[in-house]
Amino acid sequence: MKSHYHCVFDMKYHLVLVTKYRRKCFTNEILNRLEIICVELCQKWEVQVLEFGGEADHIHLLLDMNPTVQPSKLINSLKTVTSRYIRKEFATHLKQYYWKPVLWSRAYCLLTAGGAPIEKLREYIENQDRPT
């Protein structure tokens, strides 16, 4: 648990970003660079990257966020900044996959993670000692 001003929170998210057209364009070197960029950018947003992984056509991030961060704005920033850097640094490699300046699909997957299973939370809420 963490605290921020007047709240206590534990907010973990699993984010998946996929390449445009699911092109298998990521190499190990690109994935390593993506991890560095994501960690540095998340630090500026006061978000912690707990885990980073990926394959040739997508990346996974396990993020620890605080309630002041709007996930959609963070994701937009991650996609914009990583795309700009990766397209610049690996232009020759990416030219064989993309004819336009793109990297990411518009879609993404964001799931909450951690904490008690939903069944336990339902049970806890249902069994509150409600006054009569």
C-alpha atoms as a PDB file:
ATOM      1  CA  MET A   1       0.000   0.000   0.000  1.00  0.00           C
ATOM      2  CA  LYS A   2       1.079   3.520  -0.731  1.00  0.00           C
ATOM      3  CA  SER A   3      -0.346   6.845   0.320  1.00  0.00           C
ATOM      4  CA  HIS A   4      -0.740  10.154  -1.462  1.00  0.00           C
ATOM      5  CA  TYR A   5      -2.056  13.165   0.414  1.00  0.00           C
ATOM      6  CA  HIS A   6      -5.387  11.922   1.827  1.00  0.00           C
ATOM      7  CA  CYS A   7      -5.688   8.490   0.232  1.00  0.00           C
ATOM      8  CA  VAL A   8      -4.225   5.033   0.500  1.00  0.00           C
ATOM      9  CA  PHE A   9      -3.930   3.012  -2.695  1.00  0.00           C
ATOM     10  CA  ASP A  10      -2.469  -0.016  -4.425  1.00  0.00           C
ATOM     11  CA  MET A  11      -3.123   0.298  -8.153  1.00  0.00           C
ATOM     12  CA  LYS A  12      -1.378  -2.061 -10.522  1.00  0.00           C
ATOM     13  CA  TYR A  13      -2.083  -2.299 -14.240  1.00  0.00           C
ATOM     14  CA  HIS A  14      -1.059  -4.700 -16.995  1.00  0.00           C
ATOM     15  CA  LEU A  15      -0.616  -2.781 -20.258  1.00  0.00           C
ATOM     16  CA  VAL A  16      -0.184  -4.423 -23.662  1.00  0.00           C
ATOM     17  CA  LEU A  17       0.776  -2.376 -26.723  1.00  0.00           C
ATOM     18  CA  VAL A  18       0.823  -3.984 -30.170  1.00  0.00           C
ATOM     19  CA  THR A  19       2.585  -2.898 -33.329  1.00  0.00           C
ATOM     20  CA  LYS A  20       0.608  -1.476 -36.246  1.00  0.00           C
ATOM     21  CA  TYR A  21      -0.745  -4.340 -38.374  1.00  0.00           C
ATOM     22  CA  ARG A  22       0.849  -6.714 -35.807  1.00  0.00           C
ATOM     23  CA  ARG A  23       4.084  -6.521 -37.808  1.00  0.00           C
ATOM     24  CA  LYS A  24       6.831  -8.583 -36.192  1.00  0.00           C
ATOM     25  CA  CYS A  25       9.374  -5.770 -36.338  1.00  0.00           C
ATOM     26  CA  PHE A  26      10.886  -5.761 -32.833  1.00  0.00           C
ATOM     27  CA  THR A  27      14.358  -7.154 -32.306  1.00  0.00           C
ATOM     28  CA  ASN A  28      15.972  -7.768 -28.925  1.00  0.00           C
ATOM     29  CA  GLU A  29      17.844  -4.474 -29.325  1.00  0.00           C
ATOM     30  CA  ILE A  30      14.600  -2.570 -29.986  1.00  0.00           C
ATOM     31  CA  LEU A  31      12.895  -4.221 -27.002  1.00  0.00           C
ATOM     32  CA  ASN A  32      15.829  -3.253 -24.760  1.00  0.00           C
ATOM     33  CA  ARG A  33      15.585   0.344 -25.965  1.00  0.00           C
ATOM     34  CA  LEU A  34      11.802   0.364 -25.503  1.00  0.00           C
ATOM     35  CA  GLU A  35      12.251  -0.774 -21.903  1.00  0.00           C
ATOM     36  CA  ILE A  36      14.699   2.057 -21.176  1.00  0.00           C
ATOM     37  CA  ILE A  37      12.427   4.673 -22.755  1.00  0.00           C
ATOM     38  CA  CYS A  38       9.328   3.359 -20.923  1.00  0.00           C
ATOM     39  CA  VAL A  39      11.055   3.284 -17.529  1.00  0.00           C
ATOM     40  CA  GLU A  40      12.439   6.816 -17.945  1.00  0.00           C
ATOM     41  CA  LEU A  41       9.120   8.217 -19.137  1.00  0.00           C
ATOM     42  CA  CYS A  42       7.144   6.483 -16.378  1.00  0.00           C
ATOM     43  CA  GLN A  43       9.479   7.956 -13.755  1.00  0.00           C
ATOM     44  CA  LYS A  44       8.518  11.426 -15.007  1.00  0.00           C
ATOM     45  CA  TRP A  45       4.853  10.485 -14.514  1.00  0.00           C
ATOM     46  CA  GLU A  46       5.641   9.078 -11.035  1.00  0.00           C
ATOM     47  CA  VAL A  47       4.677   5.606 -12.262  1.00  0.00           C
ATOM     48  CA  GLN A  48       6.819   2.568 -11.494  1.00  0.00           C
ATOM     49  CA  VAL A  49       7.463  -0.108 -14.127  1.00  0.00           C
ATOM     50  CA  LEU A  50       7.418  -3.338 -12.122  1.00  0.00           C
ATOM     51  CA  GLU A  51       8.001  -5.584 -15.127  1.00  0.00           C
ATOM     52  CA  PHE A  52       8.665  -5.180 -18.849  1.00  0.00           C
ATOM     53  CA  GLY A  53       8.609  -7.844 -21.540  1.00  0.00           C
ATOM     54  CA  GLY A  54       7.822  -8.250 -25.176  1.00  0.00           C
ATOM     55  CA  GLU A  55       7.875 -10.235 -28.367  1.00  0.00           C
ATOM     56  CA  ALA A  56       8.373  -9.330 -32.005  1.00  0.00           C
ATOM     57  CA  ASP A  57       4.970  -7.615 -32.314  1.00  0.00           C
ATOM     58  CA  HIS A  58       4.004  -6.363 -28.843  1.00  0.00           C
ATOM     59  CA  ILE A  59       5.164  -5.303 -25.378  1.00  0.00           C
ATOM     60  CA  HIS A  60       3.830  -5.887 -21.857  1.00  0.00           C
ATOM     61  CA  LEU A  61       4.263  -3.510 -18.927  1.00  0.00           C
ATOM     62  CA  LEU A  62       3.252  -4.121 -15.318  1.00  0.00           C
ATOM     63  CA  LEU A  63       2.728  -0.648 -13.871  1.00  0.00           C
ATOM     64  CA  ASP A  64       2.243   0.669 -10.345  1.00  0.00           C
ATOM     65  CA  MET A  65       0.297   3.939 -10.599  1.00  0.00           C
ATOM     66  CA  ASN A  66      -1.106   6.470  -8.205  1.00  0.00           C
ATOM     67  CA  PRO A  67      -4.667   7.822  -8.458  1.00  0.00           C
ATOM     68  CA  THR A  68      -3.572  11.184  -9.872  1.00  0.00           C
ATOM     69  CA  VAL A  69      -2.397   9.564 -13.128  1.00  0.00           C
ATOM     70  CA  GLN A  70      -4.973   9.236 -15.896  1.00  0.00           C
ATOM     71  CA  PRO A  71      -4.124   5.902 -17.548  1.00  0.00           C
ATOM     72  CA  SER A  72      -5.259   7.012 -21.021  1.00  0.00           C
ATOM     73  CA  LYS A  73      -2.983  10.065 -20.929  1.00  0.00           C
ATOM     74  CA  LEU A  74      -0.009   8.002 -19.734  1.00  0.00           C
ATOM     75  CA  ILE A  75      -0.617   5.433 -22.479  1.00  0.00           C
ATOM     76  CA  ASN A  76      -0.867   8.161 -25.125  1.00  0.00           C
ATOM     77  CA  SER A  77       2.419   9.616 -23.905  1.00  0.00           C
ATOM     78  CA  LEU A  78       4.118   6.184 -23.873  1.00  0.00           C
ATOM     79  CA  LYS A  79       2.976   5.416 -27.413  1.00  0.00           C
ATOM     80  CA  THR A  80       3.897   8.844 -28.777  1.00  0.00           C
ATOM     81  CA  VAL A  81       7.340   9.097 -27.181  1.00  0.00           C
ATOM     82  CA  THR A  82       8.409   5.496 -27.808  1.00  0.00           C
ATOM     83  CA  SER A  83       7.246   5.690 -31.418  1.00  0.00           C
ATOM     84  CA  ARG A  84       9.196   8.885 -32.034  1.00  0.00           C
ATOM     85  CA  TYR A  85      12.433   7.537 -30.530  1.00  0.00           C
ATOM     86  CA  ILE A  86      12.239   4.032 -32.005  1.00  0.00           C
ATOM     87  CA  ARG A  87      11.343   5.261 -35.506  1.00  0.00           C
ATOM     88  CA  LYS A  88      14.270   7.691 -35.368  1.00  0.00           C
ATOM     89  CA  GLU A  89      16.850   5.303 -33.888  1.00  0.00           C
ATOM     90  CA  PHE A  90      15.867   2.233 -35.950  1.00  0.00           C
ATOM     91  CA  ALA A  91      14.651   3.930 -39.147  1.00  0.00           C
ATOM     92  CA  THR A  92      16.550   1.651 -41.520  1.00  0.00           C
ATOM     93  CA  HIS A  93      15.280  -1.527 -39.844  1.00  0.00           C
ATOM     94  CA  LEU A  94      11.658  -0.320 -39.611  1.00  0.00           C
ATOM     95  CA  LYS A  95      11.583   0.854 -43.244  1.00  0.00           C
ATOM     96  CA  GLN A  96      11.083  -2.753 -44.361  1.00  0.00           C
ATOM     97  CA  TYR A  97       7.892  -2.992 -42.225  1.00  0.00           C
ATOM     98  CA  TYR A  98       6.301   0.460 -42.515  1.00  0.00           C
ATOM     99  CA  TRP A  99       6.087   2.938 -45.361  1.00  0.00           C
ATOM    100  CA  LYS A 100       4.522   5.626 -43.120  1.00  0.00           C
ATOM    101  CA  PRO A 101       5.764   7.014 -39.790  1.00  0.00           C
ATOM    102  CA  VAL A 102       3.851   4.560 -37.568  1.00  0.00           C
ATOM    103  CA  LEU A 103       4.750   2.037 -34.894  1.00  0.00           C
ATOM    104  CA  TRP A 104       1.792   1.280 -32.625  1.00  0.00           C
ATOM    105  CA  SER A 105      -1.744   0.170 -33.303  1.00  0.00           C
ATOM    106  CA  ARG A 106      -4.415   2.587 -32.063  1.00  0.00           C
ATOM    107  CA  ALA A 107      -5.688  -0.190 -29.796  1.00  0.00           C
ATOM    108  CA  TYR A 108      -4.235  -1.242 -26.463  1.00  0.00           C
ATOM    109  CA  CYS A 109      -5.140  -3.576 -23.622  1.00  0.00           C
ATOM    110  CA  LEU A 110      -5.171  -2.286 -20.039  1.00  0.00           C
ATOM    111  CA  LEU A 111      -6.097  -4.618 -17.193  1.00  0.00           C
ATOM    112  CA  THR A 112      -6.112  -4.072 -13.472  1.00  0.00           C
ATOM    113  CA  ALA A 113      -3.867  -6.494 -11.647  1.00  0.00           C
ATOM    114  CA  GLY A 114      -3.080  -7.590  -8.124  1.00  0.00           C
ATOM    115  CA  GLY A 115      -5.129  -7.403  -4.979  1.00  0.00           C
ATOM    116  CA  ALA A 116      -7.840  -9.795  -3.879  1.00  0.00           C
ATOM    117  CA  PRO A 117      -9.762 -11.874  -6.428  1.00  0.00           C
ATOM    118  CA  ILE A 118     -13.093 -10.354  -7.483  1.00  0.00           C
ATOM    119  CA  GLU A 119     -15.036 -13.142  -5.738  1.00  0.00           C
ATOM    120  CA  LYS A 120     -13.437 -12.257  -2.398  1.00  0.00           C
ATOM    121  CA  LEU A 121     -14.192  -8.559  -2.869  1.00  0.00           C
ATOM    122  CA  ARG A 122     -17.843  -9.328  -3.704  1.00  0.00           C
ATOM    123  CA  GLU A 123     -18.117 -11.547  -0.646  1.00  0.00           C
ATOM    124  CA  TYR A 124     -16.545  -8.900   1.585  1.00  0.00           C
ATOM    125  CA  ILE A 125     -18.883  -6.166   0.312  1.00  0.00           C
ATOM    126  CA  GLU A 126     -21.974  -8.393   0.519  1.00  0.00           C
ATOM    127  CA  ASN A 127     -21.173  -9.307   4.127  1.00  0.00           C
ATOM    128  CA  GLN A 128     -20.879  -5.787   5.494  1.00  0.00           C
ATOM    129  CA  ASP A 129     -22.713  -5.211   8.752  1.00  0.00           C
ATOM    130  CA  ARG A 130     -25.384  -2.956   7.281  1.00  0.00           C
ATOM    131  CA  PRO A 131     -27.470  -1.135   9.916  1.00  0.00           C
ATOM    132  CA  THR A 132     -31.192  -1.883   9.949  1.00  0.00           C
END
